[in-house]
Amino acid sequence: MDERAYAIMMRMTIHPLFLPILFSIVLYGNISYYALILSSLIIHEIGHILAAFLCKVKVEKCVIMPYGGEIQLKGGNSIAPKKQLIIALGGPVATLCCIAATQFLDPLLADPMLKIQFILLAINMIPIWPLDGGRIIMSLIHIFYPRVRIVEFYLSISLILITATVFITFILLPKSLFLLVLSIFLLIQIINEWRYRKYRFAFEKHVIKRLT
């Protein structure tokens, strides 16, 4: 790992939303499970970071979220869609590598590690913005059919699905507290993306046209 990658690792932070979850795990005495979750999330984000380096895109910051993480890339939405696709795939690929590596671990460690990886992968590959699955779909839309209406349609579906999830998890409280908090966080992210969808799309289209 070069000096730039090391510098990004040092700038990794944990989102405040994630702290109560970690605290509850530690409170119940399952510190080892907490360590596995945190290390799995960090490895997932390293996958995104390495993919960004391969695409020669500068990573400015990385924030660990309950479902994975958020990385801030230099250039933001002006980054070419193909590069965005590769970067979005970096995290899931890293998680798949962890799944493959569990066969070499002691069963006492491998079983919980495998469970965590599958949960992390399942959550991230849900095709809803801003999860990795959603970012992959958004990148494919920009590559193969870059139209504002298609982007709006996709964001509308994401908005409807996550809103329904918020209501369902609210009804199932208190067992669904974690999913409710996570769903509300994702809902806020989608709303922000929806508000600026036309401006961002116009900017991306202008930059891509200028570069090609």
Protein backbone atom coordinates (compact mmCIF):
# COMPACT_ATOMS: atom_id res chain seq x y z
CA MET A 1 0.00 0.00 0.00
CA ASP A 2 1.54 3.37 -1.03
CA GLU A 3 1.68 6.58 1.02
CA ARG A 4 -1.54 7.94 -0.49
CA ALA A 5 -3.49 4.83 0.46
CA TYR A 6 -2.02 4.94 3.95
CA ALA A 7 -3.04 8.59 4.28
CA ILE A 8 -6.64 7.72 3.35
CA MET A 9 -6.63 4.91 5.92
CA MET A 10 -5.59 7.44 8.54
CA ARG A 11 -8.49 9.71 7.52
CA MET A 12 -11.11 6.99 7.93
CA THR A 13 -13.86 8.04 10.34
CA ILE A 14 -16.96 6.39 11.79
CA HIS A 15 -20.34 7.99 11.13
CA PRO A 16 -22.18 9.01 14.37
CA LEU A 17 -25.09 6.76 13.33
CA PHE A 18 -22.82 3.75 13.65
CA LEU A 19 -21.60 4.53 17.18
CA PRO A 20 -24.82 3.58 19.07
CA ILE A 21 -24.87 0.26 17.23
CA LEU A 22 -21.29 -0.50 18.19
CA PHE A 23 -21.95 0.62 21.76
CA SER A 24 -24.94 -1.71 22.08
CA ILE A 25 -22.82 -4.63 20.84
CA VAL A 26 -20.06 -3.86 23.35
CA LEU A 27 -22.65 -3.35 26.11
CA TYR A 28 -23.91 -6.87 25.64
CA GLY A 29 -20.37 -8.17 25.95
CA ASN A 30 -19.94 -9.32 22.36
CA ILE A 31 -16.78 -7.31 21.72
CA SER A 32 -15.28 -9.92 19.39
CA TYR A 33 -18.37 -9.71 17.15
CA TYR A 34 -17.99 -5.92 17.13
CA ALA A 35 -14.36 -6.28 16.05
CA LEU A 36 -15.36 -8.58 13.17
CA ILE A 37 -18.08 -6.19 11.99
CA LEU A 38 -15.79 -3.17 12.09
CA SER A 39 -12.91 -4.98 10.38
CA SER A 40 -15.29 -6.30 7.69
CA LEU A 41 -16.56 -2.78 6.97
CA ILE A 42 -13.00 -1.45 6.78
CA ILE A 43 -11.96 -4.22 4.36
CA HIS A 44 -15.05 -3.45 2.27
CA GLU A 45 -14.05 0.20 2.03
CA ILE A 46 -10.45 -0.67 1.25
CA GLY A 47 -11.85 -2.49 -1.77
CA HIS A 48 -13.47 0.76 -2.96
CA ILE A 49 -10.27 2.71 -2.26
CA LEU A 50 -8.07 0.28 -4.17
CA ALA A 51 -10.52 0.36 -7.10
CA ALA A 52 -10.35 4.17 -7.06
CA PHE A 53 -6.55 4.03 -7.16
CA LEU A 54 -6.69 1.63 -10.11
CA CYS A 55 -8.93 4.17 -11.88
CA LYS A 56 -6.52 6.98 -10.90
CA VAL A 57 -9.24 8.76 -8.93
CA LYS A 58 -8.17 10.53 -5.74
CA VAL A 59 -9.95 9.50 -2.54
CA GLU A 60 -10.26 12.43 -0.16
CA LYS A 61 -12.17 10.89 2.76
CA CYS A 62 -13.79 7.65 3.91
CA VAL A 63 -16.63 7.42 6.43
CA ILE A 64 -17.66 4.04 7.88
CA MET A 65 -21.45 3.56 7.80
CA PRO A 66 -23.61 0.75 9.28
CA TYR A 67 -24.06 -0.75 5.81
CA GLY A 68 -20.51 -0.19 4.57
CA GLY A 69 -19.18 3.27 4.03
CA GLU A 70 -19.07 6.45 2.00
CA ILE A 71 -15.95 7.66 0.21
CA GLN A 72 -15.49 11.18 -1.08
CA LEU A 73 -13.81 11.21 -4.49
CA LYS A 74 -12.09 14.16 -6.09
CA GLY A 75 -14.22 15.20 -9.03
CA GLY A 76 -17.44 13.78 -7.60
CA ASN A 77 -20.10 13.38 -10.27
CA SER A 78 -17.68 14.44 -13.02
CA ILE A 79 -15.94 11.06 -12.78
CA ALA A 80 -16.54 8.93 -15.88
CA PRO A 81 -19.39 6.40 -15.41
CA LYS A 82 -17.12 3.43 -16.22
CA LYS A 83 -14.76 4.45 -13.43
CA GLN A 84 -17.70 4.93 -11.07
CA LEU A 85 -18.82 1.39 -11.92
CA ILE A 86 -15.39 -0.08 -11.15
CA ILE A 87 -15.18 1.83 -7.86
CA ALA A 88 -18.69 0.70 -6.85
CA LEU A 89 -17.73 -2.93 -7.54
CA GLY A 90 -14.55 -2.65 -5.45
CA GLY A 91 -16.31 -3.06 -2.09
CA PRO A 92 -18.39 -6.15 -2.98
CA VAL A 93 -15.32 -7.76 -4.55
CA ALA A 94 -13.38 -7.21 -1.31
CA THR A 95 -16.25 -8.78 0.65
CA LEU A 96 -16.26 -11.78 -1.71
CA CYS A 97 -12.53 -12.16 -1.06
CA CYS A 98 -13.27 -12.24 2.68
CA ILE A 99 -15.87 -14.95 2.10
CA ALA A 100 -13.31 -17.00 0.17
CA ALA A 101 -10.70 -16.48 2.91
CA THR A 102 -12.96 -17.83 5.69
CA GLN A 103 -12.24 -21.40 4.61
CA PHE A 104 -8.69 -20.96 5.89
CA LEU A 105 -9.80 -19.72 9.35
CA ASP A 106 -10.61 -21.62 12.51
CA PRO A 107 -14.32 -22.63 12.53
CA LEU A 108 -14.93 -20.59 15.70
CA LEU A 109 -13.87 -17.49 13.79
CA ALA A 110 -14.95 -18.53 10.31
CA ASP A 111 -18.65 -19.07 11.12
CA PRO A 112 -19.41 -15.57 12.50
CA MET A 113 -17.09 -14.00 9.92
CA LEU A 114 -18.91 -15.74 7.09
CA LYS A 115 -22.29 -14.66 8.45
CA ILE A 116 -21.17 -11.04 8.70
CA GLN A 117 -19.80 -11.05 5.14
CA PHE A 118 -23.01 -12.46 3.68
CA ILE A 119 -25.14 -9.90 5.54
CA LEU A 120 -22.85 -7.06 4.46
CA LEU A 121 -22.87 -8.24 0.86
CA ALA A 122 -26.65 -8.78 0.83
CA ILE A 123 -27.34 -5.29 2.18
CA ASN A 124 -24.89 -3.55 -0.14
CA MET A 125 -26.09 -5.30 -3.28
CA ILE A 126 -29.71 -4.21 -2.79
CA PRO A 127 -30.35 -2.12 -5.95
CA ILE A 128 -31.30 1.04 -4.06
CA TRP A 129 -29.36 4.29 -4.09
CA PRO A 130 -26.89 4.97 -2.39
CA LEU A 131 -25.96 1.33 -1.70
CA ASP A 132 -23.33 -0.30 -3.91
CA GLY A 133 -26.02 -2.12 -5.85
CA GLY A 134 -27.72 1.20 -6.53
CA ARG A 135 -24.47 2.86 -7.57
CA ILE A 136 -23.76 0.01 -9.95
CA ILE A 137 -27.18 0.41 -11.58
CA MET A 138 -26.77 4.19 -11.77
CA SER A 139 -23.38 3.78 -13.45
CA LEU A 140 -24.86 1.33 -15.98
CA ILE A 141 -27.67 3.78 -16.73
CA HIS A 142 -25.14 6.55 -17.44
CA ILE A 143 -23.08 4.20 -19.62
CA PHE A 144 -25.81 2.59 -21.73
CA TYR A 145 -28.86 4.88 -21.55
CA PRO A 146 -28.01 8.32 -20.15
CA ARG A 147 -31.43 9.94 -19.98
CA VAL A 148 -32.84 12.15 -17.23
CA ARG A 149 -36.17 10.32 -17.23
CA ILE A 150 -34.48 6.96 -16.70
CA VAL A 151 -32.51 8.36 -13.76
CA GLU A 152 -35.68 9.87 -12.32
CA PHE A 153 -37.56 6.60 -12.76
CA TYR A 154 -34.81 4.66 -11.00
CA LEU A 155 -34.63 7.15 -8.13
CA SER A 156 -38.43 7.07 -7.85
CA ILE A 157 -38.40 3.29 -7.44
CA SER A 158 -35.63 3.57 -4.84
CA LEU A 159 -37.59 6.24 -2.99
CA ILE A 160 -40.79 4.16 -2.95
CA LEU A 161 -39.01 1.01 -1.77
CA ILE A 162 -37.05 2.66 1.01
CA THR A 163 -40.13 4.61 2.17
CA ALA A 164 -42.05 1.33 2.40
CA THR A 165 -39.14 -0.15 4.36
CA VAL A 166 -39.28 2.74 6.83
CA PHE A 167 -42.98 2.11 7.48
CA ILE A 168 -42.55 -1.65 7.81
CA THR A 169 -39.59 -1.41 10.18
CA PHE A 170 -41.45 1.20 12.22
CA ILE A 171 -44.38 -1.19 12.65
CA LEU A 172 -42.01 -3.97 13.72
CA LEU A 173 -40.32 -1.92 16.47
CA PRO A 174 -38.43 -2.52 18.75
CA LYS A 175 -36.90 -5.56 17.03
CA SER A 176 -36.30 -3.61 13.84
CA LEU A 177 -34.65 -0.55 15.42
CA PHE A 178 -31.37 -0.97 13.55
CA LEU A 179 -33.12 -1.43 10.19
CA LEU A 180 -35.39 1.55 10.90
CA VAL A 181 -32.45 3.86 11.61
CA LEU A 182 -30.60 2.58 8.55
CA SER A 183 -33.71 2.98 6.36
CA ILE A 184 -34.25 6.57 7.51
CA PHE A 185 -30.60 7.36 6.76
CA LEU A 186 -30.92 5.89 3.25
CA LEU A 187 -34.20 7.77 2.74
CA ILE A 188 -32.45 11.06 3.48
CA GLN A 189 -29.70 10.16 1.01
CA ILE A 190 -32.21 9.37 -1.73
CA ILE A 191 -34.18 12.57 -1.11
CA ASN A 192 -31.00 14.62 -1.46
CA GLU A 193 -30.12 12.84 -4.69
CA TRP A 194 -33.67 13.41 -6.00
CA ARG A 195 -33.56 17.15 -5.25
CA TYR A 196 -30.40 17.68 -7.29
CA ARG A 197 -30.92 15.00 -9.94
CA LYS A 198 -31.37 17.31 -12.95
CA TYR A 199 -28.49 19.61 -12.03
CA ARG A 200 -26.10 16.71 -11.45
CA PHE A 201 -27.18 14.94 -14.62
CA ALA A 202 -26.74 18.11 -16.70
CA PHE A 203 -23.30 18.66 -15.18
CA GLU A 204 -22.22 15.06 -15.81
CA LYS A 205 -23.47 15.21 -19.40
CA HIS A 206 -21.58 18.46 -20.02
CA VAL A 207 -18.32 17.13 -18.57
CA ILE A 208 -18.52 13.77 -20.38
CA LYS A 209 -19.25 15.54 -23.68
CA ARG A 210 -16.27 17.84 -23.10
CA LEU A 211 -13.93 14.93 -22.38
CA THR A 212 -14.99 12.83 -25.38
